[in-house]
C-alpha atoms as a PDB file:
ATOM      1  CA  MET A   1       2.838 -76.515 268.748  1.00  0.00           C
ATOM      2  CA  LYS A   2       5.859 -74.380 269.739  1.00  0.00           C
ATOM      3  CA  ASN A   3       9.069 -76.100 271.108  1.00  0.00           C
ATOM      4  CA  ASN A   4      12.270 -74.688 271.606  1.00  0.00           C
ATOM      5  CA  LYS A   5      14.430 -77.970 272.618  1.00  0.00           C
ATOM      6  CA  PRO A   6      14.576 -80.832 270.392  1.00  0.00           C
ATOM      7  CA  TYR A   7      11.690 -83.405 270.451  1.00  0.00           C
ATOM      8  CA  TYR A   8      10.800 -86.779 268.469  1.00  0.00           C
ATOM      9  CA  THR A   9       8.098 -87.077 265.687  1.00  0.00           C
ATOM     10  CA  VAL A  10       6.539 -90.440 264.691  1.00  0.00           C
ATOM     11  CA  ILE A  11       5.272 -90.254 260.959  1.00  0.00           C
ATOM     12  CA  PHE A  12       2.781 -92.538 260.136  1.00  0.00           C
ATOM     13  CA  THR A  13       2.034 -93.101 256.430  1.00  0.00           C
ATOM     14  CA  SER A  14      -0.669 -95.508 255.042  1.00  0.00           C
ATOM     15  CA  THR A  15      -2.582 -96.498 252.375  1.00  0.00           C
ATOM     16  CA  GLN A  16      -6.397 -97.945 253.285  1.00  0.00           C
ATOM     17  CA  THR A  17      -8.478-101.149 252.461  1.00  0.00           C
ATOM     18  CA  GLU A  18     -11.867-100.772 251.206  1.00  0.00           C
ATOM     19  CA  LYS A  19     -13.089-101.656 254.572  1.00  0.00           C
ATOM     20  CA  ILE A  20     -13.071 -98.605 256.463  1.00  0.00           C
ATOM     21  CA  LYS A  21     -16.277 -99.148 258.859  1.00  0.00           C
ATOM     22  CA  GLY A  22     -15.405 -97.528 262.344  1.00  0.00           C
ATOM     23  CA  TYR A  23     -11.820 -96.201 261.217  1.00  0.00           C
ATOM     24  CA  SER A  24     -12.790 -92.612 261.819  1.00  0.00           C
ATOM     25  CA  LYS A  25     -14.154 -93.472 265.317  1.00  0.00           C
ATOM     26  CA  MET A  26     -10.967 -95.194 266.145  1.00  0.00           C
ATOM     27  CA  VAL A  27      -8.914 -92.237 264.854  1.00  0.00           C
ATOM     28  CA  ASN A  28     -10.585 -89.984 267.115  1.00  0.00           C
ATOM     29  CA  GLN A  29     -10.505 -92.289 269.944  1.00  0.00           C
ATOM     30  CA  MET A  30      -6.597 -92.509 269.459  1.00  0.00           C
ATOM     31  CA  GLU A  31      -6.099 -89.101 269.215  1.00  0.00           C
ATOM     32  CA  ALA A  32      -7.732 -88.482 272.279  1.00  0.00           C
ATOM     33  CA  LEU A  33      -6.168 -91.139 274.147  1.00  0.00           C
ATOM     34  CA  ALA A  34      -2.444 -89.968 272.725  1.00  0.00           C
ATOM     35  CA  LYS A  35      -3.515 -86.427 274.217  1.00  0.00           C
ATOM     36  CA  GLN A  36      -3.505 -88.036 277.483  1.00  0.00           C
ATOM     37  CA  GLN A  37      -0.179 -89.591 277.300  1.00  0.00           C
ATOM     38  CA  ASP A  38       2.815 -88.378 279.198  1.00  0.00           C
ATOM     39  CA  GLY A  39       5.447 -86.984 276.806  1.00  0.00           C
ATOM     40  CA  TYR A  40       2.604 -85.827 273.970  1.00  0.00           C
ATOM     41  CA  LEU A  41       3.321 -82.462 272.197  1.00  0.00           C
ATOM     42  CA  GLY A  42       0.964 -82.492 269.141  1.00  0.00           C
ATOM     43  CA  MET A  43      -0.387 -84.005 266.041  1.00  0.00           C
ATOM     44  CA  GLU A  44      -1.107 -83.171 262.702  1.00  0.00           C
ATOM     45  CA  SER A  45      -2.499 -85.634 259.854  1.00  0.00           C
ATOM     46  CA  ALA A  46      -3.927 -85.868 256.151  1.00  0.00           C
ATOM     47  CA  ARG A  47      -6.192 -88.689 254.876  1.00  0.00           C
ATOM     48  CA  ASN A  48      -6.513 -89.047 251.033  1.00  0.00           C
ATOM     49  CA  GLU A  49      -4.870 -91.460 248.845  1.00  0.00           C
ATOM     50  CA  VAL A  50      -2.209 -91.781 251.153  1.00  0.00           C
ATOM     51  CA  GLY A  51      -2.658 -91.238 254.814  1.00  0.00           C
ATOM     52  CA  ILE A  52       0.019 -88.902 256.815  1.00  0.00           C
ATOM     53  CA  THR A  53      -0.307 -88.605 260.323  1.00  0.00           C
ATOM     54  CA  VAL A  54       2.721 -86.898 262.445  1.00  0.00           C
ATOM     55  CA  SER A  55       2.695 -86.978 266.261  1.00  0.00           C
ATOM     56  CA  TYR A  56       5.153 -85.066 268.382  1.00  0.00           C
ATOM     57  CA  TRP A  57       7.020 -86.335 271.611  1.00  0.00           C
ATOM     58  CA  GLU A  58       9.021 -85.273 274.363  1.00  0.00           C
ATOM     59  CA  SER A  59      11.136 -88.462 274.019  1.00  0.00           C
ATOM     60  CA  LEU A  60      11.843 -91.883 272.439  1.00  0.00           C
ATOM     61  CA  GLU A  61      10.479 -93.399 275.897  1.00  0.00           C
ATOM     62  CA  ALA A  62       7.192 -91.422 275.728  1.00  0.00           C
ATOM     63  CA  ILE A  63       7.009 -93.084 272.143  1.00  0.00           C
ATOM     64  CA  LYS A  64       7.707 -96.350 273.454  1.00  0.00           C
ATOM     65  CA  GLN A  65       4.878 -96.135 276.248  1.00  0.00           C
ATOM     66  CA  TRP A  66       2.574 -94.768 273.616  1.00  0.00           C
ATOM     67  CA  LYS A  67       3.675 -97.868 271.297  1.00  0.00           C
ATOM     68  CA  ALA A  68       2.565-100.383 274.452  1.00  0.00           C
ATOM     69  CA  ASN A  69      -0.443 -98.594 275.339  1.00  0.00           C
ATOM     70  CA  SER A  70      -3.256-101.592 275.547  1.00  0.00           C
ATOM     71  CA  GLU A  71      -5.735 -99.509 273.471  1.00  0.00           C
ATOM     72  CA  HIS A  72      -3.452 -98.122 271.005  1.00  0.00           C
ATOM     73  CA  LEU A  73      -2.298-102.185 270.588  1.00  0.00           C
ATOM     74  CA  PHE A  74      -5.667-102.692 269.833  1.00  0.00           C
ATOM     75  CA  ALA A  75      -6.019 -99.827 267.148  1.00  0.00           C
ATOM     76  CA  GLN A  76      -3.016-101.318 265.395  1.00  0.00           C
ATOM     77  CA  HIS A  77      -4.210-104.819 265.544  1.00  0.00           C
ATOM     78  CA  LYS A  78      -7.471-103.535 263.857  1.00  0.00           C
ATOM     79  CA  GLY A  79      -5.383-101.581 261.414  1.00  0.00           C
ATOM     80  CA  ARG A  80      -3.702-104.513 260.234  1.00  0.00           C
ATOM     81  CA  GLU A  81      -6.503-106.822 259.957  1.00  0.00           C
ATOM     82  CA  GLN A  82      -9.143-104.638 258.276  1.00  0.00           C
ATOM     83  CA  TRP A  83      -8.173-100.774 257.562  1.00  0.00           C
ATOM     84  CA  TYR A  84      -4.551-100.554 256.094  1.00  0.00           C
ATOM     85  CA  ASN A  85      -2.992-102.425 252.801  1.00  0.00           C
ATOM     86  CA  TRP A  86       0.327-100.750 254.030  1.00  0.00           C
ATOM     87  CA  TYR A  87       1.867 -98.467 256.535  1.00  0.00           C
ATOM     88  CA  LYS A  88       5.305 -97.119 257.348  1.00  0.00           C
ATOM     89  CA  VAL A  89       6.344 -95.726 260.962  1.00  0.00           C
ATOM     90  CA  ARG A  90       9.390 -93.468 260.928  1.00  0.00           C
ATOM     91  CA  ILE A  91      10.585 -92.022 264.012  1.00  0.00           C
ATOM     92  CA  CYS A  92      12.872 -88.795 263.807  1.00  0.00           C
ATOM     93  CA  LYS A  93      14.583 -86.602 266.111  1.00  0.00           C
ATOM     94  CA  VAL A  94      13.767 -82.723 265.375  1.00  0.00           C
ATOM     95  CA  GLU A  95      16.828 -80.627 266.042  1.00  0.00           C
ATOM     96  CA  ARG A  96      14.989 -77.194 264.629  1.00  0.00           C
ATOM     97  CA  GLU A  97      11.884 -75.895 263.429  1.00  0.00           C
ATOM     98  CA  TYR A  98      10.793 -72.558 261.936  1.00  0.00           C
ATOM     99  CA  GLU A  99       7.484 -71.491 260.446  1.00  0.00           C
ATOM    100  CA  PHE A 100       5.580 -68.875 258.104  1.00  0.00           C
ATOM    101  CA  GLU A 101       2.444 -67.401 258.741  1.00  0.00           C
ATOM    102  CA  LYS A 102       0.534 -64.441 256.830  1.00  0.00           C
END
């Protein structure tokens, strides 16, 4: 993801319960849905002992709209009831980025 102006990230970290039936399907559905949301810029994730997903957004308003999306609200509810022991959400403004690639 290349972006020359400040943008926002939502960092979602979590630990899962033993009940993960349906989790992968829901993750794929939420990623596809987020890609359709205005203001969405991209996503990166890793899921092992601690799951970490970072999504990228043009504005705080775009994040607010994503949080209120009805299908996303359903996934949040399922996560609290079934898939997560714990999670934390951080919203950050990215002022600058750089990268290295061989």
